[in-house]
């Protein structure tokens, strides 16, 4: 399978509006970060999207993405959900309903806030045609086992996901021991790393290194970064097998 990082930025993105810091004014394209999302192409041709951030259209155009077969939602904060209307064009292209998977709380939130998107297929494709599916245990999708990974995001309970030997953990403030057990043997880990200073809803640089060491994936990539983290400077501080993610980075497994 192949994973493409559509975006590795925090909720403000980078460059951040009104900022002239070193990262925001950098000419290194790896410092340009859209809101956090990734897409996984399975070897059977199916495409899984993780979250629908507000930059989804831009990301899809950049990567030539023309098909989405399902969406895995981590949680419902705006920078991970509010591009949901951009799924409309994929429904139109495919002439099919797209299933959305998430925790019961996530699907309930989508049903309340974006009820117009949840509809059965008809002869009209002028709106998204989506179906919410609540999950609270491992399940099989397109012949691939998907394991929801319970995480803490401040006071919120959210999901990361393990898809085969790839794990995607964004917006993490704590990983419970029971969830660490679900991550044993992961080969590729995408892991939240908001900034250098501590934050009450995200792990910071040192905490990310701590969890990366515990999980011990063959390769760990840092995601969901603010403009405080400049690509080259951050890369120089990382131990072997830990890397800075960037928009458009492709990983094969």
Protein backbone atom coordinates (compact mmCIF):
# COMPACT_ATOMS: atom_id res chain seq x y z
CA UNK A 1 0.00 0.00 0.00
CA UNK A 2 1.04 3.62 -0.37
CA UNK A 3 0.36 6.48 2.04
CA UNK A 4 0.49 10.11 0.91
CA UNK A 5 0.64 12.90 3.47
CA UNK A 6 -1.90 15.38 2.15
CA UNK A 7 -1.18 17.81 4.96
CA UNK A 8 0.99 17.86 8.08
CA UNK A 9 0.04 21.28 9.46
CA UNK A 10 -1.80 22.34 12.59
CA UNK A 11 -5.17 24.09 12.62
CA UNK A 12 -3.66 27.42 11.46
CA UNK A 13 -1.58 25.92 8.65
CA UNK A 14 1.86 27.20 7.61
CA UNK A 15 2.54 29.91 6.54
CA UNK A 16 0.29 31.33 9.23
CA UNK A 17 -1.63 34.47 8.37
CA UNK A 18 0.11 37.63 9.57
CA UNK A 19 3.37 35.90 10.52
CA UNK A 20 6.84 36.67 9.14
CA UNK A 21 8.82 34.10 11.15
CA UNK A 22 11.58 31.98 9.61
CA UNK A 23 9.26 29.06 8.87
CA UNK A 24 6.41 31.12 7.43
CA UNK A 25 8.76 33.01 5.08
CA UNK A 26 10.83 29.95 4.16
CA UNK A 27 11.48 29.08 0.51
CA UNK A 28 11.68 25.38 1.42
CA UNK A 29 8.37 23.86 0.18
CA UNK A 30 8.55 21.35 3.04
CA UNK A 31 7.68 24.23 5.38
CA UNK A 32 4.37 24.82 3.56
CA UNK A 33 1.85 22.82 5.58
CA UNK A 34 -1.85 22.43 4.85
CA UNK A 35 -4.21 21.06 7.48
CA UNK A 36 -3.56 17.50 8.66
CA UNK A 37 -4.79 14.60 6.52
CA UNK A 38 -3.45 11.54 4.72
CA UNK A 39 -4.66 9.17 2.03
CA UNK A 40 -3.86 5.47 1.69
CA UNK A 41 -4.02 3.58 -1.58
CA UNK A 42 -4.52 -0.14 -0.96
CA UNK A 43 -3.05 -2.70 -3.31
CA UNK A 44 -6.57 -3.66 -4.47
CA UNK A 45 -7.11 -0.17 -5.91
CA UNK A 46 -9.26 1.17 -3.07
CA UNK A 47 -8.45 4.56 -1.52
CA UNK A 48 -8.91 5.43 2.17
CA UNK A 49 -8.91 9.07 3.27
CA UNK A 50 -8.11 10.00 6.88
CA UNK A 51 -10.10 13.14 7.82
CA UNK A 52 -11.52 15.86 5.58
CA UNK A 53 -9.73 19.06 6.50
CA UNK A 54 -10.61 22.48 5.03
CA UNK A 55 -7.75 22.15 2.49
CA UNK A 56 -9.05 18.90 0.95
CA UNK A 57 -9.79 20.38 -2.48
CA UNK A 58 -6.34 21.98 -2.72
CA UNK A 59 -4.66 18.78 -1.54
CA UNK A 60 -6.58 16.61 -4.01
CA UNK A 61 -5.68 18.89 -6.91
CA UNK A 62 -2.01 18.90 -5.90
CA UNK A 63 -1.83 15.10 -5.67
CA UNK A 64 -4.11 14.28 -8.61
CA UNK A 65 -6.53 12.53 -6.26
CA UNK A 66 -9.71 11.55 -8.14
CA UNK A 67 -11.09 8.67 -6.07
CA UNK A 68 -12.05 8.17 -2.42
CA UNK A 69 -13.73 4.93 -1.39
CA UNK A 70 -14.07 5.59 2.35
CA UNK A 71 -13.14 8.13 5.03
CA UNK A 72 -11.75 7.35 8.48
CA UNK A 73 -12.39 10.18 10.94
CA UNK A 74 -10.15 10.78 13.93
CA UNK A 75 -12.40 13.43 15.52
CA UNK A 76 -14.62 16.38 14.67
CA UNK A 77 -12.52 19.51 15.18
CA UNK A 78 -12.85 21.92 12.27
CA UNK A 79 -9.36 21.33 10.88
CA UNK A 80 -10.15 17.62 10.51
CA UNK A 81 -13.80 17.73 9.41
CA UNK A 82 -14.87 20.94 7.71
CA UNK A 83 -13.78 19.94 4.22
CA UNK A 84 -16.53 17.31 4.20
CA UNK A 85 -18.46 19.10 1.43
CA UNK A 86 -15.50 18.55 -0.93
CA UNK A 87 -16.39 14.84 -0.92
CA UNK A 88 -19.26 15.82 -3.23
CA UNK A 89 -17.10 15.77 -6.36
CA UNK A 90 -15.82 12.27 -5.57
CA UNK A 91 -19.40 11.05 -5.24
CA UNK A 92 -20.14 12.66 -8.61
CA UNK A 93 -17.10 11.12 -10.31
CA UNK A 94 -17.73 7.66 -8.88
CA UNK A 95 -21.54 7.78 -8.92
CA UNK A 96 -21.44 6.09 -5.54
CA UNK A 97 -22.08 6.73 -1.86
CA UNK A 98 -18.96 7.17 0.29
CA UNK A 99 -18.99 5.57 3.78
CA UNK A 100 -17.65 7.56 6.74
CA UNK A 101 -16.21 5.65 9.70
CA UNK A 102 -15.68 7.10 13.15
CA UNK A 103 -16.54 6.78 16.81
CA UNK A 104 -20.24 6.92 17.75
CA UNK A 105 -19.68 10.49 19.00
CA UNK A 106 -18.03 11.49 15.73
CA UNK A 107 -20.82 10.08 13.56
CA UNK A 108 -23.46 11.68 15.82
CA UNK A 109 -21.73 15.06 15.45
CA UNK A 110 -21.60 14.74 11.66
CA UNK A 111 -25.26 13.70 11.61
CA UNK A 112 -26.16 16.82 13.57
CA UNK A 113 -23.90 19.42 11.94
CA UNK A 114 -23.72 18.09 8.37
CA UNK A 115 -27.02 16.24 8.05
CA UNK A 116 -27.42 17.32 4.41
CA UNK A 117 -24.43 15.15 3.44
CA UNK A 118 -25.93 11.91 4.74
CA UNK A 119 -28.25 10.69 2.01
CA UNK A 120 -28.97 7.69 -0.14
CA UNK A 121 -27.93 7.62 -3.82
CA UNK A 122 -30.45 8.96 -6.34
CA UNK A 123 -30.39 10.44 -9.83
CA UNK A 124 -28.95 13.70 -8.47
CA UNK A 125 -25.34 14.21 -7.36
CA UNK A 126 -25.41 17.93 -6.57
CA UNK A 127 -24.76 17.23 -2.87
CA UNK A 128 -22.41 14.85 -1.07
CA UNK A 129 -23.87 11.33 -0.84
CA UNK A 130 -22.40 9.90 2.34
CA UNK A 131 -23.22 7.25 4.94
CA UNK A 132 -22.09 7.43 8.57
CA UNK A 133 -20.95 4.18 10.19
CA UNK A 134 -20.11 4.07 13.91
CA UNK A 135 -17.20 1.87 14.97
CA UNK A 136 -15.84 0.91 18.37
CA UNK A 137 -13.78 -2.18 17.52
CA UNK A 138 -11.53 -3.51 14.75
CA UNK A 139 -13.30 -4.10 11.46
CA UNK A 140 -12.52 -5.19 7.91
CA UNK A 141 -12.78 -2.78 5.02
CA UNK A 142 -11.85 -3.61 1.42
CA UNK A 143 -10.12 -6.81 2.61
CA UNK A 144 -7.97 -4.78 5.02
CA UNK A 145 -8.18 -4.90 8.82
CA UNK A 146 -8.68 -1.46 10.38
CA UNK A 147 -7.99 -1.03 14.10
CA UNK A 148 -9.28 2.12 15.84
CA UNK A 149 -6.71 3.29 18.41
CA UNK A 150 -8.33 5.11 21.38
CA UNK A 151 -6.42 8.29 22.24
CA UNK A 152 -6.81 11.31 24.50
CA UNK A 153 -6.93 14.78 22.95
CA UNK A 154 -7.14 17.00 26.01
CA UNK A 155 -10.41 15.97 27.63
CA UNK A 156 -11.71 14.47 24.38
CA UNK A 157 -11.65 10.80 23.42
CA UNK A 158 -10.61 10.40 19.79
CA UNK A 159 -9.29 7.72 17.45
CA UNK A 160 -6.04 7.03 15.74
CA UNK A 161 -5.96 4.19 13.23
CA UNK A 162 -3.83 1.20 12.43
CA UNK A 163 -4.16 0.04 8.83
CA UNK A 164 -2.01 -3.04 8.37
CA UNK A 165 1.42 -2.00 9.62
CA UNK A 166 0.81 1.74 9.26
CA UNK A 167 -0.40 3.73 12.28
CA UNK A 168 -1.78 7.27 12.16
CA UNK A 169 -1.91 9.18 15.47
CA UNK A 170 -2.80 12.86 15.26
CA UNK A 171 -3.99 15.32 17.93
CA UNK A 172 -2.64 13.23 20.80
CA UNK A 173 -2.19 14.37 24.38
CA UNK A 174 -1.91 10.86 25.85
CA UNK A 175 -1.73 7.32 24.51
CA UNK A 176 -3.22 4.83 27.00
CA UNK A 177 -1.23 1.67 27.74
CA UNK A 178 -3.99 -0.45 26.21
CA UNK A 179 -3.62 1.52 22.95
CA UNK A 180 0.17 1.14 22.98
CA UNK A 181 -0.43 -2.61 22.98
CA UNK A 182 -2.43 -2.26 19.75
CA UNK A 183 0.57 -0.59 18.11
CA UNK A 184 3.07 -3.38 18.63
CA UNK A 185 4.85 -4.34 15.42
CA UNK A 186 3.92 -1.18 13.51
CA UNK A 187 6.41 -0.47 10.73
CA UNK A 188 5.41 3.10 9.80
CA UNK A 189 4.11 5.55 12.42
CA UNK A 190 2.71 9.02 11.76
CA UNK A 191 2.75 10.87 15.07
CA UNK A 192 1.50 14.21 16.38
CA UNK A 193 4.24 16.77 17.20
CA UNK A 194 2.66 20.19 17.70
CA UNK A 195 5.56 22.37 18.93
CA UNK A 196 8.51 22.53 21.35
CA UNK A 197 6.58 23.86 24.36
CA UNK A 198 4.02 21.74 26.19
CA UNK A 199 0.36 22.01 25.18
CA UNK A 200 -2.70 20.73 27.02
CA UNK A 201 -4.28 18.95 24.03
CA UNK A 202 -1.21 17.83 22.03
CA UNK A 203 2.11 16.16 22.73
CA UNK A 204 5.15 18.33 22.13
CA UNK A 205 8.54 17.50 20.60
CA UNK A 206 9.98 15.71 23.62
CA UNK A 207 6.78 13.78 24.26
CA UNK A 208 6.65 12.73 20.60
CA UNK A 209 10.19 11.35 20.87
CA UNK A 210 9.18 9.51 24.05
CA UNK A 211 6.20 7.82 22.41
CA UNK A 212 8.15 7.09 19.22
CA UNK A 213 10.72 5.23 21.32
CA UNK A 214 7.98 3.29 23.13
CA UNK A 215 6.18 2.26 19.94
CA UNK A 216 9.49 1.55 18.18
CA UNK A 217 8.27 1.59 14.60
CA UNK A 218 10.79 1.03 11.82
CA UNK A 219 10.17 4.65 10.77
CA UNK A 220 8.30 7.45 12.56
CA UNK A 221 7.16 10.64 10.80
CA UNK A 222 6.15 13.76 12.72
CA UNK A 223 2.88 15.45 11.67
CA UNK A 224 0.41 18.15 12.81
CA UNK A 225 3.15 20.75 13.31
CA UNK A 226 2.86 24.48 13.91
CA UNK A 227 5.06 27.13 12.30
CA UNK A 228 7.31 26.99 15.38
CA UNK A 229 8.91 23.85 13.90
CA UNK A 230 11.16 24.61 10.93
CA UNK A 231 11.84 21.58 8.73
CA UNK A 232 15.66 21.60 8.55
CA UNK A 233 16.23 22.67 12.14
CA UNK A 234 13.83 20.02 13.42
CA UNK A 235 15.36 17.33 11.19
CA UNK A 236 18.81 18.03 12.64
CA UNK A 237 17.55 17.22 16.15
CA UNK A 238 16.01 13.85 15.37
CA UNK A 239 17.44 10.44 16.20
CA UNK A 240 17.77 7.70 13.60
CA UNK A 241 14.50 6.41 12.13
CA UNK A 242 12.49 9.53 13.08
CA UNK A 243 11.73 12.00 10.30
CA UNK A 244 9.85 15.26 9.71
CA UNK A 245 6.77 14.74 7.57
CA UNK A 246 5.85 17.17 4.83
CA UNK A 247 2.94 17.75 2.45
CA UNK A 248 3.12 15.39 -0.50
CA UNK A 249 5.49 12.88 1.10
CA UNK A 250 4.73 9.34 -0.13
CA UNK A 251 5.50 6.20 1.86
CA UNK A 252 5.24 2.67 0.49
CA UNK A 253 4.80 -0.51 2.52
